[in-house]
Amino acid sequence: MNMTDEPMRDAAAPVADVAADATVSPLEPTLEPELEAVGGAPAVDVEAPPQRSGVVDVEQALRAARGGQRLAAAPMPSPLASAPEPPPASRLVASSAPAPEPEAGAARERAAATASPSLPEAEPAPESAPVREPALEPTPAVGAAPASYEALLDELDAPRRALVEQHLTGLKAALQAERVTVRRLEQQARTASTQAESQATAAAALAEEKSLLEAAAAEREALAHLAQRRADFYEAAVEQGVRRKSVRLAYLAATDAGLFQDGGAIAWDHLRTQFADLFEAPGRNTPTPPSRSASAAAGAGTRGDAPVAPTLNQIIRNAAGRRR
């Protein structure tokens, strides 16, 4: 090790001691007589706020170390720091080391005065101007409904708005398809109703026409039955001796008297009794009714074949004496 390093190491030791002894402690009662003998420790203004300890000047510390003195650490100013409450009124010493000898007290006081010059008192912080709070806009209540649907869409961001619009597009498409289906069904219902009405009208017309046809057929059948009954009456009237000019009157009399029985039979006895003047008188020759199987040669006078007139050829041959 170099010899020149020893003074520096010796000088550094007091610096460490000074840094370690830089705390301020209240004066103990046992040290007051010694401090009074050497002139007393420097008075400390108790009203001034305590200052933060700082590092002493290195050059002054070296000089004090060579002279065998100890320096107190210089307090660092802190004007902006808030002043703590003052300690109780008492005398303070710069260090808790044993009191120095009387002959070295004055020198140490001068060294302490030069090493730690008095610092100006911390100026009070300027009073800050009153801060004006900004006016707060009234915020809507939590959960309040938007004023309109457009306002609700404006509050949404782009992705959410796109989802809402996509959903609305799907709903509109479904609604439009449903409307088209309803319109088509309504049109089909109207068409079916019209067809049903037309079919009902046609059915009614067909039923009416059918009834008319049935009535006409029944009437024709009745007329045919009457015609057949009249024909049967006329044919039977000649056989029963009804006068030829009174056949129609006899038919009307039989119809009015209800002399037609079931199956077309006629009560001739009752008709003859009620309407005797319509019949031929008894004893008179009644006309012979025509035979149903008449001969083809009727009116020739004989039952044989009818004579055939000779032709001109037969006459000439007869005259010539030629017979064939």
C-alpha atoms as a PDB file:
ATOM      1  CA  MET A   1       0.000   0.000   0.000  1.00  0.00           C
ATOM      2  CA  ASN A   2       1.248   3.498  -0.812  1.00  0.00           C
ATOM      3  CA  MET A   3       2.077   5.780   2.046  1.00  0.00           C
ATOM      4  CA  THR A   4       0.212   8.655   0.492  1.00  0.00           C
ATOM      5  CA  ASP A   5      -3.051   6.795   0.913  1.00  0.00           C
ATOM      6  CA  GLU A   6      -2.863   6.805   4.719  1.00  0.00           C
ATOM      7  CA  PRO A   7      -3.594  10.549   5.168  1.00  0.00           C
ATOM      8  CA  MET A   8      -6.539  10.231   2.802  1.00  0.00           C
ATOM      9  CA  ARG A   9      -7.891   7.245   4.754  1.00  0.00           C
ATOM     10  CA  ASP A  10      -7.371   9.151   8.000  1.00  0.00           C
ATOM     11  CA  ALA A  11      -9.170  12.126   6.519  1.00  0.00           C
ATOM     12  CA  ALA A  12     -12.066  10.012   5.355  1.00  0.00           C
ATOM     13  CA  ALA A  13     -12.622   8.588   8.828  1.00  0.00           C
ATOM     14  CA  PRO A  14     -13.694  11.921  10.377  1.00  0.00           C
ATOM     15  CA  VAL A  15     -16.028  12.456   7.420  1.00  0.00           C
ATOM     16  CA  ALA A  16     -17.727   9.182   8.211  1.00  0.00           C
ATOM     17  CA  ASP A  17     -17.847  10.111  11.871  1.00  0.00           C
ATOM     18  CA  VAL A  18     -19.328  13.470  10.997  1.00  0.00           C
ATOM     19  CA  ALA A  19     -21.918  11.864   8.772  1.00  0.00           C
ATOM     20  CA  ALA A  20     -22.779   9.403  11.512  1.00  0.00           C
ATOM     21  CA  ASP A  21     -22.912  12.137  14.155  1.00  0.00           C
ATOM     22  CA  ALA A  22     -24.964  14.533  12.019  1.00  0.00           C
ATOM     23  CA  THR A  23     -28.123  13.930  14.001  1.00  0.00           C
ATOM     24  CA  VAL A  24     -29.416  16.493  16.451  1.00  0.00           C
ATOM     25  CA  SER A  25     -30.406  15.256  19.883  1.00  0.00           C
ATOM     26  CA  PRO A  26     -31.640  17.146  22.948  1.00  0.00           C
ATOM     27  CA  LEU A  27     -29.088  18.203  25.532  1.00  0.00           C
ATOM     28  CA  GLU A  28     -28.665  15.738  28.314  1.00  0.00           C
ATOM     29  CA  PRO A  29     -28.584  17.141  31.903  1.00  0.00           C
ATOM     30  CA  THR A  30     -25.135  15.688  32.620  1.00  0.00           C
ATOM     31  CA  LEU A  31     -23.496  17.759  29.848  1.00  0.00           C
ATOM     32  CA  GLU A  32     -24.866  21.175  30.791  1.00  0.00           C
ATOM     33  CA  PRO A  33     -22.034  22.069  33.298  1.00  0.00           C
ATOM     34  CA  GLU A  34     -19.342  21.271  30.746  1.00  0.00           C
ATOM     35  CA  LEU A  35     -21.037  23.324  28.031  1.00  0.00           C
ATOM     36  CA  GLU A  36     -21.329  26.258  30.388  1.00  0.00           C
ATOM     37  CA  ALA A  37     -17.586  25.974  31.219  1.00  0.00           C
ATOM     38  CA  VAL A  38     -16.551  26.212  27.575  1.00  0.00           C
ATOM     39  CA  GLY A  39     -18.937  28.973  26.738  1.00  0.00           C
ATOM     40  CA  GLY A  40     -22.002  26.810  25.877  1.00  0.00           C
ATOM     41  CA  ALA A  41     -23.301  25.409  22.615  1.00  0.00           C
ATOM     42  CA  PRO A  42     -24.651  27.750  19.991  1.00  0.00           C
ATOM     43  CA  ALA A  43     -28.229  28.647  20.651  1.00  0.00           C
ATOM     44  CA  VAL A  44     -30.754  27.117  18.280  1.00  0.00           C
ATOM     45  CA  ASP A  45     -33.879  28.969  17.363  1.00  0.00           C
ATOM     46  CA  VAL A  46     -36.631  26.655  18.444  1.00  0.00           C
ATOM     47  CA  GLU A  47     -39.234  28.537  16.478  1.00  0.00           C
ATOM     48  CA  ALA A  48     -37.494  27.800  13.173  1.00  0.00           C
ATOM     49  CA  PRO A  49     -38.575  24.524  11.590  1.00  0.00           C
ATOM     50  CA  PRO A  50     -36.042  21.698  11.635  1.00  0.00           C
ATOM     51  CA  GLN A  51     -33.990  21.416   8.514  1.00  0.00           C
ATOM     52  CA  ARG A  52     -33.001  18.297   6.656  1.00  0.00           C
ATOM     53  CA  SER A  53     -29.372  17.183   7.213  1.00  0.00           C
ATOM     54  CA  GLY A  54     -26.983  17.376   4.329  1.00  0.00           C
ATOM     55  CA  VAL A  55     -23.375  16.397   3.517  1.00  0.00           C
ATOM     56  CA  VAL A  56     -20.662  18.785   4.784  1.00  0.00           C
ATOM     57  CA  ASP A  57     -18.059  20.364   2.556  1.00  0.00           C
ATOM     58  CA  VAL A  58     -15.222  17.904   1.891  1.00  0.00           C
ATOM     59  CA  GLU A  59     -12.465  20.549   2.105  1.00  0.00           C
ATOM     60  CA  GLN A  60     -13.668  21.853   5.462  1.00  0.00           C
ATOM     61  CA  ALA A  61     -14.049  18.288   6.701  1.00  0.00           C
ATOM     62  CA  LEU A  62     -10.405  17.555   5.765  1.00  0.00           C
ATOM     63  CA  ARG A  63      -9.182  20.675   7.534  1.00  0.00           C
ATOM     64  CA  ALA A  64     -11.197  19.822  10.627  1.00  0.00           C
ATOM     65  CA  ALA A  65      -9.871  16.268  10.563  1.00  0.00           C
ATOM     66  CA  ARG A  66      -6.252  17.481  10.407  1.00  0.00           C
ATOM     67  CA  GLY A  67      -6.875  19.808  13.301  1.00  0.00           C
ATOM     68  CA  GLY A  68      -8.627  17.110  15.323  1.00  0.00           C
ATOM     69  CA  GLN A  69     -12.044  18.780  15.116  1.00  0.00           C
ATOM     70  CA  ARG A  70     -15.502  17.486  14.192  1.00  0.00           C
ATOM     71  CA  LEU A  71     -17.939  19.350  12.018  1.00  0.00           C
ATOM     72  CA  ALA A  72     -21.675  19.164  12.112  1.00  0.00           C
ATOM     73  CA  ALA A  73     -23.485  18.448   8.895  1.00  0.00           C
ATOM     74  CA  ALA A  74     -24.987  21.505   7.229  1.00  0.00           C
ATOM     75  CA  PRO A  75     -28.746  21.415   6.961  1.00  0.00           C
ATOM     76  CA  MET A  76     -30.163  21.540   3.451  1.00  0.00           C
ATOM     77  CA  PRO A  77     -32.789  24.155   2.753  1.00  0.00           C
ATOM     78  CA  SER A  78     -36.235  22.932   1.951  1.00  0.00           C
ATOM     79  CA  PRO A  79     -38.411  25.970   1.451  1.00  0.00           C
ATOM     80  CA  LEU A  80     -41.168  24.004  -0.227  1.00  0.00           C
ATOM     81  CA  ALA A  81     -41.379  21.337   2.461  1.00  0.00           C
ATOM     82  CA  SER A  82     -44.164  21.697   4.939  1.00  0.00           C
ATOM     83  CA  ALA A  83     -42.826  22.836   8.350  1.00  0.00           C
ATOM     84  CA  PRO A  84     -43.367  20.244  11.083  1.00  0.00           C
ATOM     85  CA  GLU A  85     -44.365  21.163  14.555  1.00  0.00           C
ATOM     86  CA  PRO A  86     -41.474  22.792  16.542  1.00  0.00           C
ATOM     87  CA  PRO A  87     -39.801  20.623  19.191  1.00  0.00           C
ATOM     88  CA  PRO A  88     -40.137  21.548  22.873  1.00  0.00           C
ATOM     89  CA  ALA A  89     -38.098  24.531  24.068  1.00  0.00           C
ATOM     90  CA  SER A  90     -34.715  23.126  24.996  1.00  0.00           C
ATOM     91  CA  ARG A  91     -31.132  23.583  24.095  1.00  0.00           C
ATOM     92  CA  LEU A  92     -29.789  21.360  21.329  1.00  0.00           C
ATOM     93  CA  VAL A  93     -26.250  20.348  20.590  1.00  0.00           C
ATOM     94  CA  ALA A  94     -24.736  19.649  17.230  1.00  0.00           C
ATOM     95  CA  SER A  95     -23.646  16.129  18.176  1.00  0.00           C
ATOM     96  CA  SER A  96     -23.854  13.632  20.991  1.00  0.00           C
ATOM     97  CA  ALA A  97     -20.063  13.349  21.274  1.00  0.00           C
ATOM     98  CA  PRO A  98     -18.329  14.139  24.611  1.00  0.00           C
ATOM     99  CA  ALA A  99     -17.758  17.812  25.351  1.00  0.00           C
ATOM    100  CA  PRO A 100     -14.388  19.121  24.041  1.00  0.00           C
ATOM    101  CA  GLU A 101     -11.716  20.567  26.217  1.00  0.00           C
ATOM    102  CA  PRO A 102     -11.955  24.311  27.103  1.00  0.00           C
ATOM    103  CA  GLU A 103      -8.959  25.378  25.041  1.00  0.00           C
ATOM    104  CA  ALA A 104     -10.325  23.851  21.845  1.00  0.00           C
ATOM    105  CA  GLY A 105     -13.914  25.135  22.225  1.00  0.00           C
ATOM    106  CA  ALA A 106     -13.380  28.511  20.587  1.00  0.00           C
ATOM    107  CA  ALA A 107     -11.566  27.032  17.592  1.00  0.00           C
ATOM    108  CA  ARG A 108     -14.297  24.482  17.056  1.00  0.00           C
ATOM    109  CA  GLU A 109     -16.963  27.153  17.261  1.00  0.00           C
ATOM    110  CA  ARG A 110     -15.165  29.195  14.611  1.00  0.00           C
ATOM    111  CA  ALA A 111     -14.773  26.101  12.408  1.00  0.00           C
ATOM    112  CA  ALA A 112     -18.454  25.241  12.867  1.00  0.00           C
ATOM    113  CA  ALA A 113     -19.427  28.816  12.017  1.00  0.00           C
ATOM    114  CA  THR A 114     -17.343  28.742   8.837  1.00  0.00           C
ATOM    115  CA  ALA A 115     -18.397  25.194   7.936  1.00  0.00           C
ATOM    116  CA  SER A 116     -22.140  25.672   8.391  1.00  0.00           C
ATOM    117  CA  PRO A 117     -23.148  29.204   7.528  1.00  0.00           C
ATOM    118  CA  SER A 118     -26.545  30.262   8.634  1.00  0.00           C
ATOM    119  CA  LEU A 119     -29.211  29.600   6.037  1.00  0.00           C
ATOM    120  CA  PRO A 120     -32.066  31.955   5.389  1.00  0.00           C
ATOM    121  CA  GLU A 121     -35.389  30.977   6.759  1.00  0.00           C
ATOM    122  CA  ALA A 122     -37.662  29.187   4.423  1.00  0.00           C
ATOM    123  CA  GLU A 123     -40.073  31.507   2.734  1.00  0.00           C
ATOM    124  CA  PRO A 124     -43.666  30.521   3.148  1.00  0.00           C
ATOM    125  CA  ALA A 125     -45.218  29.028   0.109  1.00  0.00           C
ATOM    126  CA  PRO A 126     -47.369  31.487  -1.786  1.00  0.00           C
ATOM    127  CA  GLU A 127     -51.006  30.998  -1.293  1.00  0.00           C
ATOM    128  CA  SER A 128     -52.430  29.240  -4.259  1.00  0.00           C
ATOM    129  CA  ALA A 129     -55.305  30.872  -6.038  1.00  0.00           C
ATOM    130  CA  PRO A 130     -58.642  29.181  -5.500  1.00  0.00           C
ATOM    131  CA  VAL A 131     -59.200  26.531  -8.099  1.00  0.00           C
ATOM    132  CA  ARG A 132     -62.457  26.875  -9.923  1.00  0.00           C
ATOM    133  CA  GLU A 133     -64.053  23.571 -10.554  1.00  0.00           C
ATOM    134  CA  PRO A 134     -65.252  23.132 -14.140  1.00  0.00           C
ATOM    135  CA  ALA A 135     -68.943  23.030 -14.661  1.00  0.00           C
ATOM    136  CA  LEU A 136     -70.071  19.453 -15.025  1.00  0.00           C
ATOM    137  CA  GLU A 137     -72.601  18.628 -17.645  1.00  0.00           C
ATOM    138  CA  PRO A 138     -75.577  16.708 -16.364  1.00  0.00           C
ATOM    139  CA  THR A 139     -75.044  13.056 -17.147  1.00  0.00           C
ATOM    140  CA  PRO A 140     -78.039  10.930 -18.032  1.00  0.00           C
ATOM    141  CA  ALA A 141     -79.230   8.589 -15.377  1.00  0.00           C
ATOM    142  CA  VAL A 142     -78.007   5.043 -15.564  1.00  0.00           C
ATOM    143  CA  GLY A 143     -80.479   2.907 -17.464  1.00  0.00           C
ATOM    144  CA  ALA A 144     -82.411   5.861 -18.932  1.00  0.00           C
ATOM    145  CA  ALA A 145     -84.096   5.042 -22.241  1.00  0.00           C
ATOM    146  CA  PRO A 146     -82.917   6.923 -25.365  1.00  0.00           C
ATOM    147  CA  ALA A 147     -85.139   9.618 -26.755  1.00  0.00           C
ATOM    148  CA  SER A 148     -85.669   7.819 -30.083  1.00  0.00           C
ATOM    149  CA  TYR A 149     -84.567   4.827 -32.099  1.00  0.00           C
ATOM    150  CA  GLU A 150     -82.174   6.978 -34.126  1.00  0.00           C
ATOM    151  CA  ALA A 151     -80.580   8.207 -30.893  1.00  0.00           C
ATOM    152  CA  LEU A 152     -80.087   4.610 -29.799  1.00  0.00           C
ATOM    153  CA  LEU A 153     -78.376   3.768 -33.100  1.00  0.00           C
ATOM    154  CA  ASP A 154     -76.157   6.824 -32.792  1.00  0.00           C
ATOM    155  CA  GLU A 155     -74.963   5.628 -29.385  1.00  0.00           C
ATOM    156  CA  LEU A 156     -73.852   2.278 -30.813  1.00  0.00           C
ATOM    157  CA  ASP A 157     -70.509   1.724 -32.451  1.00  0.00           C
ATOM    158  CA  ALA A 158     -70.109   0.533 -36.034  1.00  0.00           C
ATOM    159  CA  PRO A 159     -69.980  -3.268 -35.410  1.00  0.00           C
ATOM    160  CA  ARG A 160     -73.033  -3.237 -33.137  1.00  0.00           C
ATOM    161  CA  ARG A 161     -74.910  -0.974 -35.500  1.00  0.00           C
ATOM    162  CA  ALA A 162     -74.100  -3.329 -38.391  1.00  0.00           C
ATOM    163  CA  LEU A 163     -75.458  -6.286 -36.406  1.00  0.00           C
ATOM    164  CA  VAL A 164     -78.665  -4.406 -35.596  1.00  0.00           C
ATOM    165  CA  GLU A 165     -79.136  -3.350 -39.223  1.00  0.00           C
ATOM    166  CA  GLN A 166     -78.480  -6.905 -40.444  1.00  0.00           C
ATOM    167  CA  HIS A 167     -81.070  -8.252 -38.019  1.00  0.00           C
ATOM    168  CA  LEU A 168     -83.573  -5.599 -39.105  1.00  0.00           C
ATOM    169  CA  THR A 169     -82.941  -6.463 -42.764  1.00  0.00           C
ATOM    170  CA  GLY A 170     -83.737 -10.110 -42.060  1.00  0.00           C
ATOM    171  CA  LEU A 171     -86.915  -9.163 -40.205  1.00  0.00           C
ATOM    172  CA  LYS A 172     -88.025  -6.897 -43.056  1.00  0.00           C
ATOM    173  CA  ALA A 173     -87.394  -9.665 -45.612  1.00  0.00           C
ATOM    174  CA  ALA A 174     -89.403 -12.160 -43.542  1.00  0.00           C
ATOM    175  CA  LEU A 175     -92.225  -9.631 -43.130  1.00  0.00           C
ATOM    176  CA  GLN A 176     -92.293  -8.920 -46.873  1.00  0.00           C
ATOM    177  CA  ALA A 177     -92.398 -12.649 -47.670  1.00  0.00           C
ATOM    178  CA  GLU A 178     -95.223 -13.101 -45.178  1.00  0.00           C
ATOM    179  CA  ARG A 179     -97.150 -10.234 -46.754  1.00  0.00           C
ATOM    180  CA  VAL A 180     -96.719 -11.749 -50.233  1.00  0.00           C
ATOM    181  CA  THR A 181     -97.945 -15.109 -48.943  1.00  0.00           C
ATOM    182  CA  VAL A 182    -100.959 -13.505 -47.266  1.00  0.00           C
ATOM    183  CA  ARG A 183    -101.840 -11.605 -50.452  1.00  0.00           C
ATOM    184  CA  ARG A 184    -101.581 -14.772 -52.546  1.00  0.00           C
ATOM    185  CA  LEU A 185    -103.770 -16.684 -50.097  1.00  0.00           C
ATOM    186  CA  GLU A 186    -106.317 -13.857 -50.064  1.00  0.00           C
ATOM    187  CA  GLN A 187    -106.397 -13.880 -53.885  1.00  0.00           C
ATOM    188  CA  GLN A 188    -106.872 -17.649 -53.893  1.00  0.00           C
ATOM    189  CA  ALA A 189    -109.621 -17.338 -51.293  1.00  0.00           C
ATOM    190  CA  ARG A 190    -111.413 -14.687 -53.371  1.00  0.00           C
ATOM    191  CA  THR A 191    -111.093 -16.830 -56.500  1.00  0.00           C
ATOM    192  CA  ALA A 192    -112.395 -19.893 -54.687  1.00  0.00           C
ATOM    193  CA  SER A 193    -115.263 -17.866 -53.237  1.00  0.00           C
ATOM    194  CA  THR A 194    -116.156 -16.532 -56.679  1.00  0.00           C
ATOM    195  CA  GLN A 195    -115.999 -20.015 -58.146  1.00  0.00           C
ATOM    196  CA  ALA A 196    -118.082 -21.372 -55.285  1.00  0.00           C
ATOM    197  CA  GLU A 197    -120.647 -18.646 -55.806  1.00  0.00           C
ATOM    198  CA  SER A 198    -120.724 -19.303 -59.547  1.00  0.00           C
ATOM    199  CA  GLN A 199    -120.961 -23.027 -58.912  1.00  0.00           C
ATOM    200  CA  ALA A 200    -123.733 -22.433 -56.402  1.00  0.00           C
ATOM    201  CA  THR A 201    -125.537 -20.275 -58.944  1.00  0.00           C
ATOM    202  CA  ALA A 202    -125.028 -22.885 -61.627  1.00  0.00           C
ATOM    203  CA  ALA A 203    -126.181 -25.618 -59.261  1.00  0.00           C
ATOM    204  CA  ALA A 204    -129.272 -23.607 -58.409  1.00  0.00           C
ATOM    205  CA  ALA A 205    -129.947 -23.033 -62.099  1.00  0.00           C
ATOM    206  CA  LEU A 206    -129.438 -26.721 -62.817  1.00  0.00           C
ATOM    207  CA  ALA A 207    -131.735 -27.684 -59.962  1.00  0.00           C
ATOM    208  CA  GLU A 208    -134.384 -25.288 -61.220  1.00  0.00           C
ATOM    209  CA  GLU A 209    -134.033 -26.553 -64.764  1.00  0.00           C
ATOM    210  CA  LYS A 210    -134.178 -30.121 -63.502  1.00  0.00           C
ATOM    211  CA  SER A 211    -137.334 -29.390 -61.583  1.00  0.00           C
ATOM    212  CA  LEU A 212    -138.824 -27.783 -64.669  1.00  0.00           C
ATOM    213  CA  LEU A 213    -137.871 -30.757 -66.782  1.00  0.00           C
ATOM    214  CA  GLU A 214    -139.250 -33.147 -64.216  1.00  0.00           C
ATOM    215  CA  ALA A 215    -142.461 -31.167 -64.082  1.00  0.00           C
ATOM    216  CA  ALA A 216    -142.657 -31.156 -67.868  1.00  0.00           C
ATOM    217  CA  ALA A 217    -141.967 -34.877 -67.970  1.00  0.00           C
ATOM    218  CA  ALA A 218    -144.617 -35.504 -65.346  1.00  0.00           C
ATOM    219  CA  GLU A 219    -147.042 -33.339 -67.277  1.00  0.00           C
ATOM    220  CA  ARG A 220    -146.257 -35.145 -70.490  1.00  0.00           C
ATOM    221  CA  GLU A 221    -146.654 -38.459 -68.750  1.00  0.00           C
ATOM    222  CA  ALA A 222    -149.979 -37.342 -67.360  1.00  0.00           C
ATOM    223  CA  LEU A 223    -151.056 -36.147 -70.787  1.00  0.00           C
ATOM    224  CA  ALA A 224    -149.940 -39.418 -72.294  1.00  0.00           C
ATOM    225  CA  HIS A 225    -151.874 -41.308 -69.645  1.00  0.00           C
ATOM    226  CA  LEU A 226    -154.968 -39.209 -70.349  1.00  0.00           C
ATOM    227  CA  ALA A 227    -154.582 -39.735 -74.082  1.00  0.00           C
ATOM    228  CA  GLN A 228    -154.282 -43.463 -73.625  1.00  0.00           C
ATOM    229  CA  ARG A 229    -157.284 -43.534 -71.293  1.00  0.00           C
ATOM    230  CA  ARG A 230    -159.333 -41.482 -73.789  1.00  0.00           C
ATOM    231  CA  ALA A 231    -158.381 -43.800 -76.635  1.00  0.00           C
ATOM    232  CA  ASP A 232    -159.330 -46.835 -74.593  1.00  0.00           C
ATOM    233  CA  PHE A 233    -162.669 -45.164 -73.673  1.00  0.00           C
ATOM    234  CA  TYR A 234    -163.496 -44.320 -77.284  1.00  0.00           C
ATOM    235  CA  GLU A 235    -162.794 -47.863 -78.428  1.00  0.00           C
ATOM    236  CA  ALA A 236    -164.887 -49.370 -75.627  1.00  0.00           C
ATOM    237  CA  ALA A 237    -167.732 -46.823 -76.083  1.00  0.00           C
ATOM    238  CA  VAL A 238    -168.640 -48.173 -79.564  1.00  0.00           C
ATOM    239  CA  GLU A 239    -168.905 -51.691 -78.226  1.00  0.00           C
ATOM    240  CA  GLN A 240    -171.061 -50.470 -75.253  1.00  0.00           C
ATOM    241  CA  GLY A 241    -173.629 -48.786 -77.611  1.00  0.00           C
ATOM    242  CA  VAL A 242    -172.636 -45.173 -77.104  1.00  0.00           C
ATOM    243  CA  ARG A 243    -173.833 -42.943 -79.855  1.00  0.00           C
ATOM    244  CA  ARG A 244    -171.142 -41.935 -82.284  1.00  0.00           C
ATOM    245  CA  LYS A 245    -171.842 -38.255 -81.855  1.00  0.00           C
ATOM    246  CA  SER A 246    -171.951 -38.581 -78.085  1.00  0.00           C
ATOM    247  CA  VAL A 247    -168.644 -40.389 -77.489  1.00  0.00           C
ATOM    248  CA  ARG A 248    -166.815 -37.240 -76.342  1.00  0.00           C
ATOM    249  CA  LEU A 249    -169.718 -36.241 -74.092  1.00  0.00           C
ATOM    250  CA  ALA A 250    -169.733 -39.726 -72.625  1.00  0.00           C
ATOM    251  CA  TYR A 251    -165.982 -39.433 -71.864  1.00  0.00           C
ATOM    252  CA  LEU A 252    -166.439 -36.077 -70.132  1.00  0.00           C
ATOM    253  CA  ALA A 253    -169.395 -37.429 -68.152  1.00  0.00           C
ATOM    254  CA  ALA A 254    -167.414 -40.478 -67.036  1.00  0.00           C
ATOM    255  CA  THR A 255    -164.455 -38.287 -66.027  1.00  0.00           C
ATOM    256  CA  ASP A 256    -166.641 -35.843 -64.119  1.00  0.00           C
ATOM    257  CA  ALA A 257    -168.514 -38.625 -62.351  1.00  0.00           C
ATOM    258  CA  GLY A 258    -165.275 -40.410 -61.458  1.00  0.00           C
ATOM    259  CA  LEU A 259    -166.271 -43.637 -63.162  1.00  0.00           C
ATOM    260  CA  PHE A 260    -162.693 -44.511 -64.124  1.00  0.00           C
ATOM    261  CA  GLN A 261    -161.477 -47.288 -61.856  1.00  0.00           C
ATOM    262  CA  ASP A 262    -157.971 -48.545 -61.119  1.00  0.00           C
ATOM    263  CA  GLY A 263    -156.308 -50.194 -64.067  1.00  0.00           C
ATOM    264  CA  GLY A 264    -158.352 -48.145 -66.599  1.00  0.00           C
ATOM    265  CA  ALA A 265    -161.658 -50.032 -66.166  1.00  0.00           C
ATOM    266  CA  ILE A 266    -164.889 -48.030 -66.608  1.00  0.00           C
ATOM    267  CA  ALA A 267    -168.122 -48.470 -64.725  1.00  0.00           C
ATOM    268  CA  TRP A 268    -170.378 -48.647 -67.819  1.00  0.00           C
ATOM    269  CA  ASP A 269    -173.450 -49.643 -65.861  1.00  0.00           C
ATOM    270  CA  HIS A 270    -173.315 -46.511 -63.766  1.00  0.00           C
ATOM    271  CA  LEU A 271    -172.640 -44.409 -66.868  1.00  0.00           C
ATOM    272  CA  ARG A 272    -175.637 -45.947 -68.686  1.00  0.00           C
ATOM    273  CA  THR A 273    -177.882 -45.422 -65.661  1.00  0.00           C
ATOM    274  CA  GLN A 274    -176.873 -41.760 -65.146  1.00  0.00           C
ATOM    275  CA  PHE A 275    -176.579 -40.764 -68.801  1.00  0.00           C
ATOM    276  CA  ALA A 276    -179.003 -42.991 -70.724  1.00  0.00           C
ATOM    277  CA  ASP A 277    -179.514 -40.480 -73.521  1.00  0.00           C
ATOM    278  CA  LEU A 278    -175.888 -40.948 -74.567  1.00  0.00           C
ATOM    279  CA  PHE A 279    -176.519 -44.546 -75.531  1.00  0.00           C
ATOM    280  CA  GLU A 280    -178.522 -46.041 -78.453  1.00  0.00           C
ATOM    281  CA  ALA A 281    -182.096 -47.029 -77.763  1.00  0.00           C
ATOM    282  CA  PRO A 282    -182.558 -50.761 -77.226  1.00  0.00           C
ATOM    283  CA  GLY A 283    -183.938 -52.745 -80.279  1.00  0.00           C
ATOM    284  CA  ARG A 284    -182.294 -50.656 -82.932  1.00  0.00           C
ATOM    285  CA  ASN A 285    -179.640 -52.185 -85.111  1.00  0.00           C
ATOM    286  CA  THR A 286    -176.353 -51.390 -83.794  1.00  0.00           C
ATOM    287  CA  PRO A 287    -173.504 -51.056 -86.221  1.00  0.00           C
ATOM    288  CA  THR A 288    -171.312 -54.066 -86.556  1.00  0.00           C
ATOM    289  CA  PRO A 289    -167.917 -53.292 -85.235  1.00  0.00           C
ATOM    290  CA  PRO A 290    -165.112 -53.712 -87.718  1.00  0.00           C
ATOM    291  CA  SER A 291    -163.323 -57.026 -87.728  1.00  0.00           C
ATOM    292  CA  ARG A 292    -159.755 -56.955 -86.762  1.00  0.00           C
ATOM    293  CA  SER A 293    -158.852 -59.447 -89.576  1.00  0.00           C
ATOM    294  CA  ALA A 294    -160.524 -58.052 -92.728  1.00  0.00           C
ATOM    295  CA  SER A 295    -160.173 -59.813 -96.160  1.00  0.00           C
ATOM    296  CA  ALA A 296    -158.100 -58.238 -98.903  1.00  0.00           C
ATOM    297  CA  ALA A 297    -161.006 -58.856-101.411  1.00  0.00           C
ATOM    298  CA  ALA A 298    -163.600 -57.145 -99.299  1.00  0.00           C
ATOM    299  CA  GLY A 299    -166.244 -55.368-101.377  1.00  0.00           C
ATOM    300  CA  ALA A 300    -166.009 -57.804-104.338  1.00  0.00           C
ATOM    301  CA  GLY A 301    -169.303 -59.524-103.406  1.00  0.00           C
ATOM    302  CA  THR A 302    -167.847 -63.001-102.976  1.00  0.00           C
ATOM    303  CA  ARG A 303    -165.459 -64.756-100.743  1.00  0.00           C
ATOM    304  CA  GLY A 304    -163.397 -65.894-103.765  1.00  0.00           C
ATOM    305  CA  ASP A 305    -160.757 -64.203-105.818  1.00  0.00           C
ATOM    306  CA  ALA A 306    -161.755 -61.035-107.555  1.00  0.00           C
ATOM    307  CA  PRO A 307    -162.316 -61.280-111.382  1.00  0.00           C
ATOM    308  CA  VAL A 308    -159.534 -60.100-113.602  1.00  0.00           C
ATOM    309  CA  ALA A 309    -160.369 -58.065-116.733  1.00  0.00           C
ATOM    310  CA  PRO A 310    -159.070 -59.599-120.052  1.00  0.00           C
ATOM    311  CA  THR A 311    -156.270 -57.869-121.783  1.00  0.00           C
ATOM    312  CA  LEU A 312    -156.209 -56.858-125.519  1.00  0.00           C
ATOM    313  CA  ASN A 313    -154.027 -59.811-126.433  1.00  0.00           C
ATOM    314  CA  GLN A 314    -156.509 -62.208-124.868  1.00  0.00           C
ATOM    315  CA  ILE A 315    -159.384 -60.609-126.761  1.00  0.00           C
ATOM    316  CA  ILE A 316    -157.536 -60.965-130.123  1.00  0.00           C
ATOM    317  CA  ARG A 317    -156.602 -64.538-129.417  1.00  0.00           C
ATOM    318  CA  ASN A 318    -160.138 -65.371-128.376  1.00  0.00           C
ATOM    319  CA  ALA A 319    -161.355 -63.946-131.646  1.00  0.00           C
ATOM    320  CA  ALA A 320    -158.840 -65.984-133.617  1.00  0.00           C
ATOM    321  CA  GLY A 321    -159.828 -69.129-131.805  1.00  0.00           C
ATOM    322  CA  ARG A 322    -156.608 -69.451-129.982  1.00  0.00           C
ATOM    323  CA  ARG A 323    -156.809 -70.031-126.368  1.00  0.00           C
ATOM    324  CA  ARG A 324    -154.032 -70.295-124.167  1.00  0.00           C
END
